[in-house]
Amino acid sequence: MDAYQEICAKNSAYDIKRIDDPAFKQYGTLWNEFDLTELEAFCNKNVKIDSEKNFYVPSNPALEKLTLIQQVSNEVYAGMPLEAGECTGQTRDFTAVEYHQGSEVNVALTDVVMVLAHRAILEEKGSIDPKEDAKLFFVPAGTVFEMYSDTLHYSPIKVHASGFKVIVILPEGSNQPLPEKFSAQNKRIVKKNKFQLVHACREDKIKAGAQIGVTGDLIEIEQIEG
């Protein structure tokens, strides 16, 4: 069995589709024409996976100089200024949703599972139950995929026990701290261009000001070896 077949077999309670399944087209699109050789070499040398914790760096200047990031800026964002950083770690479950004003492009450097849903469902119901409202997608290493701005998402979930590694590309300034005197009525805002709601289990984020809006039982994925 390949990794997709293994992760499906280990998580038979979930319908996990491949990222190239037509169902993904309502959430985003694939970008298959980019050469990842330079990016992969850089990340193999400079981006490590911690054995216990997750790390996310919104903007890594060295990473942003790579050819692929410039190509994404031109082809996907029509020349908009971007930021690119690494997201790595050991996530096994889905505990929050977020969205941005503008698409997010991810480069999967390991196999991951993404949980995706529509913002329209959130606006209609006022909350979202991922087990009812979301779809799960297996993303193989080496995939470049765009998630539209109305696609709810959160951290990748690892497929392999060793963890996950993804490069996140967004409009410049996204996920950065808000200015000291920032003021808005929108309670979903947690950082610049980051709108987030969390499950009640995320006491850490709730204490920091995040609002509860993810309901139901958590989606939890069992990993395969490797």
N, C-alpha and C. Protein backbone atom coordinates (compact mmCIF):
# COMPACT_ATOMS: atom_id res chain seq x y z
N MET A 1 0.83 -1.21 0.00
CA MET A 1 0.00 0.00 0.00
C MET A 1 0.87 1.26 0.00
N ASP A 2 0.39 2.29 -0.68
CA ASP A 2 1.08 3.57 -0.60
C ASP A 2 0.58 4.33 0.62
N ALA A 3 1.15 5.53 0.84
CA ALA A 3 0.82 6.28 2.06
C ALA A 3 -0.66 6.65 2.12
N TYR A 4 -1.24 6.98 0.97
CA TYR A 4 -2.67 7.32 0.96
C TYR A 4 -3.51 6.13 1.37
N GLN A 5 -3.23 4.99 0.83
CA GLN A 5 -3.99 3.78 1.18
C GLN A 5 -3.80 3.43 2.65
N GLU A 6 -2.58 3.61 3.15
CA GLU A 6 -2.31 3.30 4.56
C GLU A 6 -3.06 4.23 5.50
N ILE A 7 -3.04 5.54 5.21
CA ILE A 7 -3.70 6.48 6.11
C ILE A 7 -5.21 6.29 6.07
N CYS A 8 -5.74 5.93 4.91
CA CYS A 8 -7.18 5.65 4.82
C CYS A 8 -7.53 4.39 5.62
N ALA A 9 -6.69 3.36 5.50
CA ALA A 9 -6.95 2.11 6.21
C ALA A 9 -6.91 2.31 7.72
N LYS A 10 -6.02 3.19 8.17
CA LYS A 10 -5.88 3.44 9.60
C LYS A 10 -6.96 4.36 10.14
N ASN A 11 -7.64 5.06 9.24
CA ASN A 11 -8.66 6.02 9.64
C ASN A 11 -9.95 5.78 8.85
N SER A 12 -10.43 4.57 8.92
CA SER A 12 -11.58 4.16 8.10
C SER A 12 -12.87 4.89 8.47
N ALA A 13 -12.90 5.54 9.62
CA ALA A 13 -14.09 6.30 10.01
C ALA A 13 -14.25 7.57 9.19
N TYR A 14 -13.18 7.99 8.51
CA TYR A 14 -13.21 9.24 7.75
C TYR A 14 -13.12 8.95 6.25
N ASP A 15 -13.76 9.80 5.48
CA ASP A 15 -13.66 9.77 4.03
C ASP A 15 -12.56 10.74 3.62
N ILE A 16 -11.36 10.22 3.43
CA ILE A 16 -10.21 11.05 3.06
C ILE A 16 -10.01 10.95 1.56
N LYS A 17 -10.15 12.06 0.88
CA LYS A 17 -9.99 12.09 -0.57
C LYS A 17 -8.58 12.54 -0.93
N ARG A 18 -8.14 12.20 -2.12
CA ARG A 18 -6.87 12.73 -2.62
C ARG A 18 -7.07 14.19 -3.01
N ILE A 19 -6.00 14.96 -2.93
CA ILE A 19 -6.08 16.38 -3.24
C ILE A 19 -6.44 16.63 -4.71
N ASP A 20 -6.16 15.64 -5.58
CA ASP A 20 -6.52 15.81 -6.98
C ASP A 20 -7.92 15.31 -7.30
N ASP A 21 -8.68 14.95 -6.26
CA ASP A 21 -10.08 14.58 -6.45
C ASP A 21 -10.86 15.82 -6.88
N PRO A 22 -11.85 15.68 -7.77
CA PRO A 22 -12.64 16.85 -8.18
C PRO A 22 -13.28 17.60 -7.03
N ALA A 23 -13.50 16.96 -5.89
CA ALA A 23 -14.12 17.62 -4.74
C ALA A 23 -13.28 18.78 -4.24
N PHE A 24 -11.96 18.74 -4.47
CA PHE A 24 -11.09 19.82 -3.98
C PHE A 24 -11.31 21.12 -4.74
N LYS A 25 -11.83 21.04 -5.96
CA LYS A 25 -11.93 22.22 -6.81
C LYS A 25 -12.82 23.30 -6.22
N GLN A 26 -13.71 22.94 -5.31
CA GLN A 26 -14.56 23.96 -4.69
C GLN A 26 -13.83 24.70 -3.57
N TYR A 27 -12.67 24.20 -3.17
CA TYR A 27 -11.90 24.81 -2.09
C TYR A 27 -10.62 25.50 -2.59
N GLY A 28 -10.11 25.06 -3.73
CA GLY A 28 -8.85 25.61 -4.20
C GLY A 28 -8.43 25.01 -5.51
N THR A 29 -7.15 25.16 -5.83
CA THR A 29 -6.63 24.63 -7.09
C THR A 29 -5.19 24.17 -6.90
N LEU A 30 -4.76 23.29 -7.78
CA LEU A 30 -3.39 22.78 -7.74
C LEU A 30 -2.52 23.54 -8.73
N TRP A 31 -1.27 23.73 -8.35
CA TRP A 31 -0.28 24.36 -9.23
C TRP A 31 0.85 23.35 -9.43
N ASN A 32 0.82 22.68 -10.56
CA ASN A 32 1.73 21.56 -10.79
C ASN A 32 2.98 21.92 -11.59
N GLU A 33 3.07 23.18 -12.07
CA GLU A 33 4.14 23.50 -13.01
C GLU A 33 5.42 24.00 -12.35
N PHE A 34 5.44 24.16 -11.03
CA PHE A 34 6.61 24.72 -10.38
C PHE A 34 7.66 23.65 -10.09
N ASP A 35 8.92 24.04 -10.23
CA ASP A 35 10.06 23.18 -9.90
C ASP A 35 10.41 23.41 -8.42
N LEU A 36 10.35 22.34 -7.62
CA LEU A 36 10.58 22.46 -6.18
C LEU A 36 12.01 22.14 -5.77
N THR A 37 12.89 21.87 -6.72
CA THR A 37 14.24 21.39 -6.40
C THR A 37 14.98 22.34 -5.45
N GLU A 38 15.01 23.63 -5.78
CA GLU A 38 15.73 24.61 -4.96
C GLU A 38 15.09 24.74 -3.58
N LEU A 39 13.76 24.80 -3.55
CA LEU A 39 13.05 24.93 -2.27
C LEU A 39 13.28 23.72 -1.38
N GLU A 40 13.19 22.54 -1.95
CA GLU A 40 13.37 21.32 -1.16
C GLU A 40 14.78 21.25 -0.59
N ALA A 41 15.79 21.62 -1.40
CA ALA A 41 17.17 21.61 -0.92
C ALA A 41 17.36 22.58 0.23
N PHE A 42 16.78 23.77 0.09
CA PHE A 42 16.88 24.77 1.16
C PHE A 42 16.22 24.27 2.44
N CYS A 43 15.02 23.71 2.32
CA CYS A 43 14.28 23.28 3.50
C CYS A 43 14.89 22.04 4.16
N ASN A 44 15.45 21.15 3.35
CA ASN A 44 16.13 19.98 3.92
C ASN A 44 17.30 20.40 4.81
N LYS A 45 17.93 21.49 4.44
CA LYS A 45 19.09 21.97 5.19
C LYS A 45 18.70 22.88 6.35
N ASN A 46 17.66 23.68 6.16
CA ASN A 46 17.39 24.76 7.11
C ASN A 46 16.09 24.65 7.90
N VAL A 47 15.19 23.78 7.51
CA VAL A 47 13.89 23.69 8.18
C VAL A 47 13.74 22.30 8.78
N LYS A 48 13.74 22.20 10.08
CA LYS A 48 13.65 20.93 10.77
C LYS A 48 12.29 20.78 11.44
N ILE A 49 11.91 19.54 11.71
CA ILE A 49 10.66 19.23 12.40
C ILE A 49 10.98 18.89 13.85
N ASP A 50 10.41 19.66 14.77
CA ASP A 50 10.58 19.35 16.18
C ASP A 50 9.80 18.09 16.52
N SER A 51 10.32 17.28 17.41
CA SER A 51 9.69 16.00 17.74
C SER A 51 8.47 16.16 18.64
N GLU A 52 8.26 17.36 19.20
CA GLU A 52 7.15 17.55 20.14
C GLU A 52 6.24 18.73 19.80
N LYS A 53 6.81 19.82 19.31
CA LYS A 53 6.06 21.06 19.17
C LYS A 53 5.82 21.44 17.72
N ASN A 54 4.82 22.32 17.53
CA ASN A 54 4.59 22.95 16.23
C ASN A 54 5.28 24.30 16.18
N PHE A 55 5.77 24.67 15.01
CA PHE A 55 6.36 25.98 14.80
C PHE A 55 5.83 26.57 13.50
N TYR A 56 5.51 27.86 13.54
CA TYR A 56 5.10 28.56 12.33
C TYR A 56 5.80 29.90 12.28
N VAL A 57 6.49 30.16 11.18
CA VAL A 57 7.18 31.42 10.95
C VAL A 57 6.49 32.08 9.76
N PRO A 58 5.74 33.18 9.98
CA PRO A 58 5.01 33.79 8.86
C PRO A 58 5.91 34.27 7.73
N SER A 59 7.08 34.81 8.08
CA SER A 59 7.96 35.38 7.07
C SER A 59 9.40 34.99 7.35
N ASN A 60 9.99 34.26 6.41
CA ASN A 60 11.40 33.87 6.48
C ASN A 60 12.10 34.53 5.28
N PRO A 61 12.85 35.62 5.50
CA PRO A 61 13.45 36.36 4.39
C PRO A 61 14.31 35.51 3.46
N ALA A 62 15.04 34.55 4.01
CA ALA A 62 15.88 33.69 3.17
C ALA A 62 15.01 32.83 2.26
N LEU A 63 13.93 32.33 2.79
CA LEU A 63 13.00 31.52 2.00
C LEU A 63 12.35 32.36 0.91
N GLU A 64 12.02 33.59 1.24
CA GLU A 64 11.31 34.45 0.29
C GLU A 64 12.15 34.84 -0.91
N LYS A 65 13.47 34.65 -0.83
CA LYS A 65 14.35 34.97 -1.96
C LYS A 65 14.39 33.85 -3.00
N LEU A 66 13.84 32.68 -2.65
CA LEU A 66 13.93 31.54 -3.57
C LEU A 66 13.06 31.75 -4.80
N THR A 67 13.47 31.14 -5.89
CA THR A 67 12.81 31.33 -7.18
C THR A 67 11.33 30.97 -7.13
N LEU A 68 11.00 29.88 -6.45
CA LEU A 68 9.61 29.43 -6.41
C LEU A 68 8.69 30.50 -5.82
N ILE A 69 9.13 31.17 -4.77
CA ILE A 69 8.29 32.18 -4.13
C ILE A 69 8.03 33.33 -5.09
N GLN A 70 9.05 33.71 -5.84
CA GLN A 70 8.87 34.77 -6.82
C GLN A 70 7.92 34.33 -7.94
N GLN A 71 8.01 33.08 -8.33
CA GLN A 71 7.10 32.57 -9.36
C GLN A 71 5.65 32.55 -8.86
N VAL A 72 5.46 32.15 -7.61
CA VAL A 72 4.11 32.16 -7.04
C VAL A 72 3.58 33.59 -6.98
N SER A 73 4.44 34.54 -6.61
CA SER A 73 4.02 35.94 -6.58
C SER A 73 3.50 36.39 -7.94
N ASN A 74 4.19 35.98 -9.00
CA ASN A 74 3.79 36.39 -10.34
C ASN A 74 2.57 35.63 -10.84
N GLU A 75 2.60 34.32 -10.72
CA GLU A 75 1.58 33.49 -11.37
C GLU A 75 0.27 33.41 -10.58
N VAL A 76 0.36 33.42 -9.26
CA VAL A 76 -0.84 33.23 -8.44
C VAL A 76 -1.39 34.56 -7.95
N TYR A 77 -0.50 35.50 -7.60
CA TYR A 77 -0.93 36.75 -6.99
C TYR A 77 -0.73 37.96 -7.89
N ALA A 78 -0.32 37.75 -9.15
CA ALA A 78 -0.18 38.83 -10.13
C ALA A 78 0.72 39.96 -9.62
N GLY A 79 1.81 39.58 -8.98
CA GLY A 79 2.83 40.55 -8.58
C GLY A 79 2.65 41.17 -7.22
N MET A 80 1.65 40.73 -6.45
CA MET A 80 1.47 41.26 -5.10
C MET A 80 2.67 40.90 -4.22
N PRO A 81 3.02 41.76 -3.26
CA PRO A 81 4.08 41.39 -2.30
C PRO A 81 3.60 40.27 -1.39
N LEU A 82 4.46 39.28 -1.21
CA LEU A 82 4.10 38.10 -0.44
C LEU A 82 5.04 37.90 0.74
N GLU A 83 4.62 37.02 1.64
CA GLU A 83 5.49 36.48 2.66
C GLU A 83 5.45 34.96 2.56
N ALA A 84 6.51 34.33 2.95
CA ALA A 84 6.58 32.87 2.94
C ALA A 84 7.33 32.41 4.17
N GLY A 85 6.81 31.38 4.82
CA GLY A 85 7.46 30.85 6.01
C GLY A 85 7.13 29.38 6.20
N GLU A 86 7.82 28.77 7.14
CA GLU A 86 7.66 27.34 7.38
C GLU A 86 6.65 27.07 8.48
N CYS A 87 5.89 26.01 8.29
CA CYS A 87 4.97 25.50 9.31
C CYS A 87 5.29 24.03 9.50
N THR A 88 5.72 23.66 10.69
CA THR A 88 6.16 22.29 10.95
C THR A 88 5.62 21.81 12.28
N GLY A 89 5.58 20.49 12.45
CA GLY A 89 5.19 20.00 13.76
C GLY A 89 4.53 18.65 13.79
N GLN A 90 3.66 18.50 14.79
CA GLN A 90 3.15 17.18 15.15
C GLN A 90 1.62 17.14 15.30
N THR A 91 0.90 18.00 14.61
CA THR A 91 -0.55 18.07 14.76
C THR A 91 -1.22 16.76 14.37
N ARG A 92 -2.13 16.30 15.24
CA ARG A 92 -2.86 15.06 15.00
C ARG A 92 -4.37 15.28 14.91
N ASP A 93 -4.84 16.47 15.31
CA ASP A 93 -6.27 16.71 15.33
C ASP A 93 -6.58 18.10 14.77
N PHE A 94 -7.88 18.41 14.69
CA PHE A 94 -8.33 19.65 14.06
C PHE A 94 -9.13 20.43 15.08
N THR A 95 -8.56 21.53 15.59
CA THR A 95 -9.13 22.20 16.76
C THR A 95 -9.54 23.65 16.50
N ALA A 96 -9.41 24.13 15.28
CA ALA A 96 -9.74 25.52 14.98
C ALA A 96 -9.96 25.67 13.48
N VAL A 97 -10.56 26.79 13.10
CA VAL A 97 -10.65 27.15 11.69
C VAL A 97 -10.19 28.60 11.55
N GLU A 98 -9.66 28.91 10.38
CA GLU A 98 -9.27 30.27 10.09
C GLU A 98 -9.44 30.54 8.60
N TYR A 99 -9.45 31.84 8.26
CA TYR A 99 -9.47 32.24 6.86
C TYR A 99 -8.74 33.57 6.75
N HIS A 100 -8.44 33.97 5.52
CA HIS A 100 -7.72 35.20 5.24
C HIS A 100 -8.41 35.94 4.09
N GLN A 101 -8.13 37.22 4.01
CA GLN A 101 -8.59 37.99 2.85
C GLN A 101 -7.52 37.85 1.77
N GLY A 102 -7.70 36.86 0.91
CA GLY A 102 -6.72 36.51 -0.10
C GLY A 102 -6.37 35.04 0.01
N SER A 103 -6.06 34.42 -1.11
CA SER A 103 -5.73 33.00 -1.13
C SER A 103 -4.47 32.71 -0.33
N GLU A 104 -4.39 31.48 0.16
CA GLU A 104 -3.16 30.95 0.79
C GLU A 104 -2.63 29.83 -0.09
N VAL A 105 -1.33 29.87 -0.38
CA VAL A 105 -0.67 28.81 -1.13
C VAL A 105 0.21 28.02 -0.18
N ASN A 106 0.07 26.72 -0.20
CA ASN A 106 0.91 25.82 0.61
C ASN A 106 1.76 24.95 -0.31
N VAL A 107 2.97 24.68 0.15
CA VAL A 107 3.84 23.71 -0.51
C VAL A 107 4.07 22.58 0.50
N ALA A 108 3.53 21.42 0.21
CA ALA A 108 3.67 20.27 1.11
C ALA A 108 5.02 19.61 0.88
N LEU A 109 5.88 19.63 1.90
CA LEU A 109 7.18 18.98 1.81
C LEU A 109 7.16 17.59 2.45
N THR A 110 6.07 17.29 3.15
CA THR A 110 5.77 15.93 3.62
C THR A 110 4.32 15.67 3.27
N ASP A 111 3.91 14.42 3.33
CA ASP A 111 2.49 14.10 3.19
C ASP A 111 1.72 14.72 4.36
N VAL A 112 0.55 15.30 4.08
CA VAL A 112 -0.30 15.85 5.13
C VAL A 112 -1.76 15.59 4.81
N VAL A 113 -2.60 15.75 5.81
CA VAL A 113 -4.05 15.76 5.62
C VAL A 113 -4.54 17.17 5.93
N MET A 114 -5.34 17.74 5.01
CA MET A 114 -5.94 19.05 5.22
C MET A 114 -7.44 18.87 5.44
N VAL A 115 -7.98 19.60 6.41
CA VAL A 115 -9.41 19.62 6.68
C VAL A 115 -9.94 20.97 6.20
N LEU A 116 -10.88 20.95 5.25
CA LEU A 116 -11.33 22.17 4.59
C LEU A 116 -12.84 22.29 4.64
N ALA A 117 -13.31 23.53 4.76
CA ALA A 117 -14.75 23.78 4.76
C ALA A 117 -15.00 25.16 4.15
N HIS A 118 -16.27 25.48 3.93
CA HIS A 118 -16.64 26.75 3.32
C HIS A 118 -17.00 27.78 4.37
N ARG A 119 -16.53 29.00 4.18
CA ARG A 119 -16.89 30.08 5.08
C ARG A 119 -18.40 30.33 5.06
N ALA A 120 -19.05 30.09 3.94
CA ALA A 120 -20.49 30.33 3.84
C ALA A 120 -21.26 29.52 4.88
N ILE A 121 -20.78 28.31 5.17
CA ILE A 121 -21.44 27.49 6.20
C ILE A 121 -21.31 28.16 7.56
N LEU A 122 -20.13 28.68 7.84
CA LEU A 122 -19.89 29.38 9.10
C LEU A 122 -20.80 30.59 9.24
N GLU A 123 -20.93 31.35 8.16
CA GLU A 123 -21.75 32.56 8.22
C GLU A 123 -23.23 32.20 8.40
N GLU A 124 -23.64 31.10 7.81
CA GLU A 124 -25.04 30.69 7.91
C GLU A 124 -25.37 30.16 9.31
N LYS A 125 -24.48 29.34 9.87
CA LYS A 125 -24.76 28.66 11.13
C LYS A 125 -24.21 29.40 12.35
N GLY A 126 -23.21 30.24 12.14
CA GLY A 126 -22.56 30.91 13.25
C GLY A 126 -21.47 30.08 13.91
N SER A 127 -21.33 28.83 13.49
CA SER A 127 -20.30 27.93 13.99
C SER A 127 -20.11 26.84 12.93
N ILE A 128 -19.15 25.98 13.17
CA ILE A 128 -18.91 24.90 12.22
C ILE A 128 -18.54 23.62 12.95
N ASP A 129 -19.14 22.52 12.52
CA ASP A 129 -18.82 21.19 13.04
C ASP A 129 -18.04 20.47 11.95
N PRO A 130 -16.71 20.38 12.09
CA PRO A 130 -15.90 19.82 11.01
C PRO A 130 -16.31 18.42 10.56
N LYS A 131 -16.77 17.59 11.49
CA LYS A 131 -17.17 16.24 11.09
C LYS A 131 -18.37 16.25 10.17
N GLU A 132 -19.21 17.26 10.28
CA GLU A 132 -20.38 17.38 9.43
C GLU A 132 -20.15 18.29 8.22
N ASP A 133 -19.36 19.33 8.41
CA ASP A 133 -19.31 20.42 7.44
C ASP A 133 -18.03 20.46 6.60
N ALA A 134 -17.04 19.67 6.94
CA ALA A 134 -15.75 19.76 6.26
C ALA A 134 -15.45 18.49 5.46
N LYS A 135 -14.46 18.61 4.57
CA LYS A 135 -13.94 17.47 3.83
C LYS A 135 -12.45 17.32 4.14
N LEU A 136 -11.97 16.08 4.10
CA LEU A 136 -10.58 15.78 4.39
C LEU A 136 -9.87 15.40 3.10
N PHE A 137 -8.65 15.93 2.93
CA PHE A 137 -7.87 15.68 1.72
C PHE A 137 -6.45 15.25 2.08
N PHE A 138 -6.00 14.18 1.44
CA PHE A 138 -4.62 13.73 1.54
C PHE A 138 -3.80 14.50 0.52
N VAL A 139 -2.73 15.15 0.99
CA VAL A 139 -1.85 15.93 0.13
C VAL A 139 -0.47 15.29 0.13
N PRO A 140 -0.04 14.73 -1.00
CA PRO A 140 1.29 14.10 -1.02
C PRO A 140 2.41 15.12 -1.03
N ALA A 141 3.55 14.75 -0.50
CA ALA A 141 4.74 15.60 -0.53
C ALA A 141 5.03 16.02 -1.97
N GLY A 142 5.42 17.28 -2.14
CA GLY A 142 5.72 17.80 -3.47
C GLY A 142 4.56 18.50 -4.13
N THR A 143 3.45 18.68 -3.42
CA THR A 143 2.26 19.32 -3.98
C THR A 143 2.23 20.80 -3.64
N VAL A 144 1.95 21.63 -4.64
CA VAL A 144 1.70 23.05 -4.43
C VAL A 144 0.21 23.28 -4.63
N PHE A 145 -0.47 23.77 -3.59
CA PHE A 145 -1.92 23.95 -3.71
C PHE A 145 -2.35 25.28 -3.13
N GLU A 146 -3.33 25.86 -3.78
CA GLU A 146 -3.92 27.14 -3.35
C GLU A 146 -5.25 26.88 -2.67
N MET A 147 -5.49 27.55 -1.56
CA MET A 147 -6.79 27.52 -0.88
C MET A 147 -7.41 28.90 -1.03
N TYR A 148 -8.62 28.95 -1.56
CA TYR A 148 -9.28 30.23 -1.79
C TYR A 148 -9.59 30.94 -0.48
N SER A 149 -9.82 32.24 -0.56
CA SER A 149 -10.00 33.04 0.65
C SER A 149 -11.26 32.67 1.43
N ASP A 150 -12.23 32.01 0.78
CA ASP A 150 -13.43 31.59 1.51
C ASP A 150 -13.34 30.14 1.97
N THR A 151 -12.15 29.58 1.96
CA THR A 151 -11.93 28.21 2.43
C THR A 151 -11.43 28.23 3.87
N LEU A 152 -12.20 27.63 4.75
CA LEU A 152 -11.78 27.49 6.14
C LEU A 152 -10.74 26.37 6.23
N HIS A 153 -9.68 26.60 6.99
CA HIS A 153 -8.61 25.63 7.12
C HIS A 153 -7.92 25.86 8.46
N TYR A 154 -6.94 25.05 8.75
CA TYR A 154 -6.09 25.26 9.92
C TYR A 154 -4.80 24.50 9.68
N SER A 155 -4.07 24.22 10.73
CA SER A 155 -2.78 23.54 10.59
C SER A 155 -2.92 22.23 9.84
N PRO A 156 -1.95 21.90 8.98
CA PRO A 156 -1.92 20.56 8.40
C PRO A 156 -1.87 19.50 9.50
N ILE A 157 -2.41 18.34 9.21
CA ILE A 157 -2.33 17.20 10.12
C ILE A 157 -1.30 16.22 9.56
N LYS A 158 -0.44 15.74 10.42
CA LYS A 158 0.63 14.87 9.94
C LYS A 158 0.08 13.52 9.51
N VAL A 159 0.67 12.96 8.47
CA VAL A 159 0.36 11.61 8.00
C VAL A 159 1.33 10.61 8.63
N HIS A 160 2.58 11.00 8.72
CA HIS A 160 3.63 10.12 9.24
C HIS A 160 3.95 10.48 10.70
N ALA A 161 4.35 9.50 11.46
CA ALA A 161 4.64 9.71 12.87
C ALA A 161 5.74 10.74 13.10
N SER A 162 6.61 10.92 12.12
CA SER A 162 7.74 11.84 12.26
C SER A 162 7.33 13.30 12.21
N GLY A 163 6.12 13.62 11.73
CA GLY A 163 5.66 15.00 11.72
C GLY A 163 5.39 15.52 10.32
N PHE A 164 5.13 16.84 10.24
CA PHE A 164 4.81 17.45 8.95
C PHE A 164 5.68 18.68 8.72
N LYS A 165 5.82 19.03 7.43
CA LYS A 165 6.58 20.22 7.03
C LYS A 165 5.90 20.82 5.80
N VAL A 166 5.45 22.08 5.94
CA VAL A 166 4.73 22.77 4.87
C VAL A 166 5.24 24.20 4.79
N ILE A 167 5.36 24.73 3.58
CA ILE A 167 5.67 26.14 3.39
C ILE A 167 4.36 26.88 3.13
N VAL A 168 4.15 27.98 3.86
CA VAL A 168 2.92 28.76 3.78
C VAL A 168 3.23 30.10 3.11
N ILE A 169 2.46 30.42 2.06
CA ILE A 169 2.64 31.66 1.31
C ILE A 169 1.34 32.46 1.37
N LEU A 170 1.44 33.72 1.78
CA LEU A 170 0.28 34.58 1.95
C LEU A 170 0.62 36.02 1.56
N PRO A 171 -0.39 36.86 1.36
CA PRO A 171 -0.11 38.28 1.15
C PRO A 171 0.71 38.84 2.32
N GLU A 172 1.63 39.70 1.99
CA GLU A 172 2.57 40.25 2.98
C GLU A 172 1.84 40.85 4.19
N GLY A 173 2.31 40.52 5.38
CA GLY A 173 1.73 41.02 6.62
C GLY A 173 0.76 40.08 7.29
N SER A 174 0.29 39.07 6.57
CA SER A 174 -0.68 38.14 7.14
C SER A 174 -0.08 37.37 8.32
N ASN A 175 -0.91 37.09 9.32
CA ASN A 175 -0.51 36.32 10.50
C ASN A 175 0.55 37.02 11.36
N GLN A 176 0.78 38.29 11.09
CA GLN A 176 1.71 39.06 11.91
C GLN A 176 0.94 39.70 13.07
N PRO A 177 1.63 40.07 14.15
CA PRO A 177 0.94 40.69 15.29
C PRO A 177 0.21 41.97 14.91
N LEU A 178 -0.91 42.19 15.56
CA LEU A 178 -1.66 43.42 15.33
C LEU A 178 -0.95 44.61 15.97
N PRO A 179 -1.14 45.81 15.42
CA PRO A 179 -0.54 47.01 16.05
C PRO A 179 -1.05 47.19 17.47
N GLU A 180 -0.27 47.84 18.29
CA GLU A 180 -0.59 47.98 19.71
C GLU A 180 -1.95 48.63 19.94
N LYS A 181 -2.31 49.62 19.14
CA LYS A 181 -3.57 50.35 19.33
C LYS A 181 -4.64 49.90 18.34
N PHE A 182 -4.49 48.73 17.78
CA PHE A 182 -5.49 48.23 16.83
C PHE A 182 -6.84 48.06 17.52
N SER A 183 -7.89 48.45 16.80
CA SER A 183 -9.25 48.33 17.34
C SER A 183 -10.20 47.91 16.24
N ALA A 184 -11.03 46.90 16.52
CA ALA A 184 -12.03 46.44 15.56
C ALA A 184 -13.14 45.74 16.32
N GLN A 185 -14.34 45.74 15.75
CA GLN A 185 -15.48 45.07 16.34
C GLN A 185 -15.52 43.58 15.99
N ASN A 186 -14.78 43.19 14.97
CA ASN A 186 -14.79 41.81 14.50
C ASN A 186 -14.03 40.92 15.48
N LYS A 187 -14.75 40.10 16.23
CA LYS A 187 -14.15 39.27 17.28
C LYS A 187 -13.35 38.09 16.73
N ARG A 188 -13.46 37.85 15.43
CA ARG A 188 -12.69 36.74 14.86
C ARG A 188 -11.24 37.12 14.59
N ILE A 189 -10.93 38.39 14.59
CA ILE A 189 -9.57 38.83 14.27
C ILE A 189 -8.63 38.49 15.43
N VAL A 190 -7.58 37.74 15.12
CA VAL A 190 -6.58 37.40 16.13
C VAL A 190 -5.19 37.92 15.76
N LYS A 191 -4.94 38.12 14.46
CA LYS A 191 -3.70 38.71 13.98
C LYS A 191 -4.02 39.43 12.68
N LYS A 192 -3.02 40.07 12.07
CA LYS A 192 -3.25 40.73 10.80
C LYS A 192 -3.74 39.71 9.77
N ASN A 193 -4.85 40.03 9.13
CA ASN A 193 -5.41 39.17 8.09
C ASN A 193 -5.55 37.72 8.53
N LYS A 194 -5.88 37.52 9.79
CA LYS A 194 -6.10 36.18 10.33
C LYS A 194 -7.38 36.20 11.15
N PHE A 195 -8.39 35.52 10.63
CA PHE A 195 -9.69 35.44 11.26
C PHE A 195 -9.87 33.99 11.73
N GLN A 196 -10.10 33.80 13.03
CA GLN A 196 -10.02 32.45 13.58
C GLN A 196 -11.12 32.21 14.60
N LEU A 197 -11.61 30.97 14.62
CA LEU A 197 -12.51 30.47 15.66
C LEU A 197 -11.98 29.13 16.11
N VAL A 198 -12.20 28.79 17.38
CA VAL A 198 -11.57 27.60 17.94
C VAL A 198 -12.59 26.70 18.62
N HIS A 199 -12.15 25.48 18.88
CA HIS A 199 -12.93 24.51 19.65
C HIS A 199 -12.75 24.80 21.14
N ALA A 200 -13.73 24.42 21.94
CA ALA A 200 -13.67 24.69 23.38
C ALA A 200 -12.46 24.07 24.05
N CYS A 201 -11.87 23.04 23.44
CA CYS A 201 -10.70 22.40 24.04
C CYS A 201 -9.45 23.29 23.98
N ARG A 202 -9.48 24.32 23.13
CA ARG A 202 -8.29 25.17 22.98
C ARG A 202 -8.29 26.29 24.00
N GLU A 203 -8.13 25.92 25.25
CA GLU A 203 -8.13 26.90 26.34
C GLU A 203 -7.00 27.91 26.18
N ASP A 204 -5.89 27.49 25.59
CA ASP A 204 -4.77 28.41 25.39
C ASP A 204 -5.16 29.57 24.50
N LYS A 205 -5.85 29.27 23.40
CA LYS A 205 -6.24 30.32 22.48
C LYS A 205 -7.41 31.14 23.02
N ILE A 206 -8.30 30.50 23.74
CA ILE A 206 -9.44 31.22 24.33
C ILE A 206 -8.94 32.25 25.34
N LYS A 207 -7.95 31.87 26.15
CA LYS A 207 -7.37 32.80 27.11
C LYS A 207 -6.71 33.99 26.41
N ALA A 208 -6.24 33.75 25.19
CA ALA A 208 -5.58 34.82 24.42
C ALA A 208 -6.59 35.68 23.67
N GLY A 209 -7.88 35.32 23.76
CA GLY A 209 -8.91 36.14 23.15
C GLY A 209 -9.68 35.52 22.00
N ALA A 210 -9.32 34.30 21.59
CA ALA A 210 -10.02 33.66 20.49
C ALA A 210 -11.44 33.28 20.90
N GLN A 211 -12.35 33.33 19.94
CA GLN A 211 -13.74 33.01 20.17
C GLN A 211 -14.02 31.54 19.84
N ILE A 212 -14.94 30.93 20.56
CA ILE A 212 -15.35 29.55 20.26
C ILE A 212 -16.31 29.56 19.07
N GLY A 213 -16.06 28.69 18.12
CA GLY A 213 -16.94 28.59 16.96
C GLY A 213 -16.82 27.26 16.25
N VAL A 214 -15.98 26.37 16.77
CA VAL A 214 -15.83 25.01 16.25
C VAL A 214 -16.49 24.07 17.24
N THR A 215 -17.44 23.29 16.77
CA THR A 215 -18.25 22.46 17.66
C THR A 215 -18.10 20.98 17.30
N GLY A 216 -18.73 20.14 18.11
CA GLY A 216 -18.74 18.71 17.83
C GLY A 216 -17.47 18.01 18.29
N ASP A 217 -17.40 16.72 17.99
CA ASP A 217 -16.22 15.93 18.33
C ASP A 217 -15.06 16.28 17.41
N LEU A 218 -13.86 16.24 17.94
CA LEU A 218 -12.67 16.55 17.15
C LEU A 218 -12.41 15.51 16.08
N ILE A 219 -11.93 15.97 14.94
CA ILE A 219 -11.35 15.06 13.95
C ILE A 219 -9.94 14.74 14.42
N GLU A 220 -9.66 13.46 14.59
CA GLU A 220 -8.35 13.01 15.04
C GLU A 220 -7.84 11.93 14.10
N ILE A 221 -6.64 12.13 13.59
CA ILE A 221 -6.06 11.22 12.60
C ILE A 221 -4.96 10.39 13.24
N GLU A 222 -5.04 9.08 13.00
CA GLU A 222 -3.98 8.16 13.43
C GLU A 222 -2.90 8.10 12.35
N GLN A 223 -1.64 8.22 12.77
CA GLN A 223 -0.54 8.30 11.82
C GLN A 223 -0.03 6.92 11.40
N ILE A 224 0.70 6.91 10.28
CA ILE A 224 1.41 5.72 9.84
C ILE A 224 2.89 5.90 10.16
N GLU A 225 3.64 4.84 10.07
CA GLU A 225 5.06 4.91 10.38
C GLU A 225 5.81 5.71 9.32
N GLY A 226 6.97 6.23 9.73
CA GLY A 226 7.78 6.95 8.76
C GLY A 226 7.95 8.41 9.12
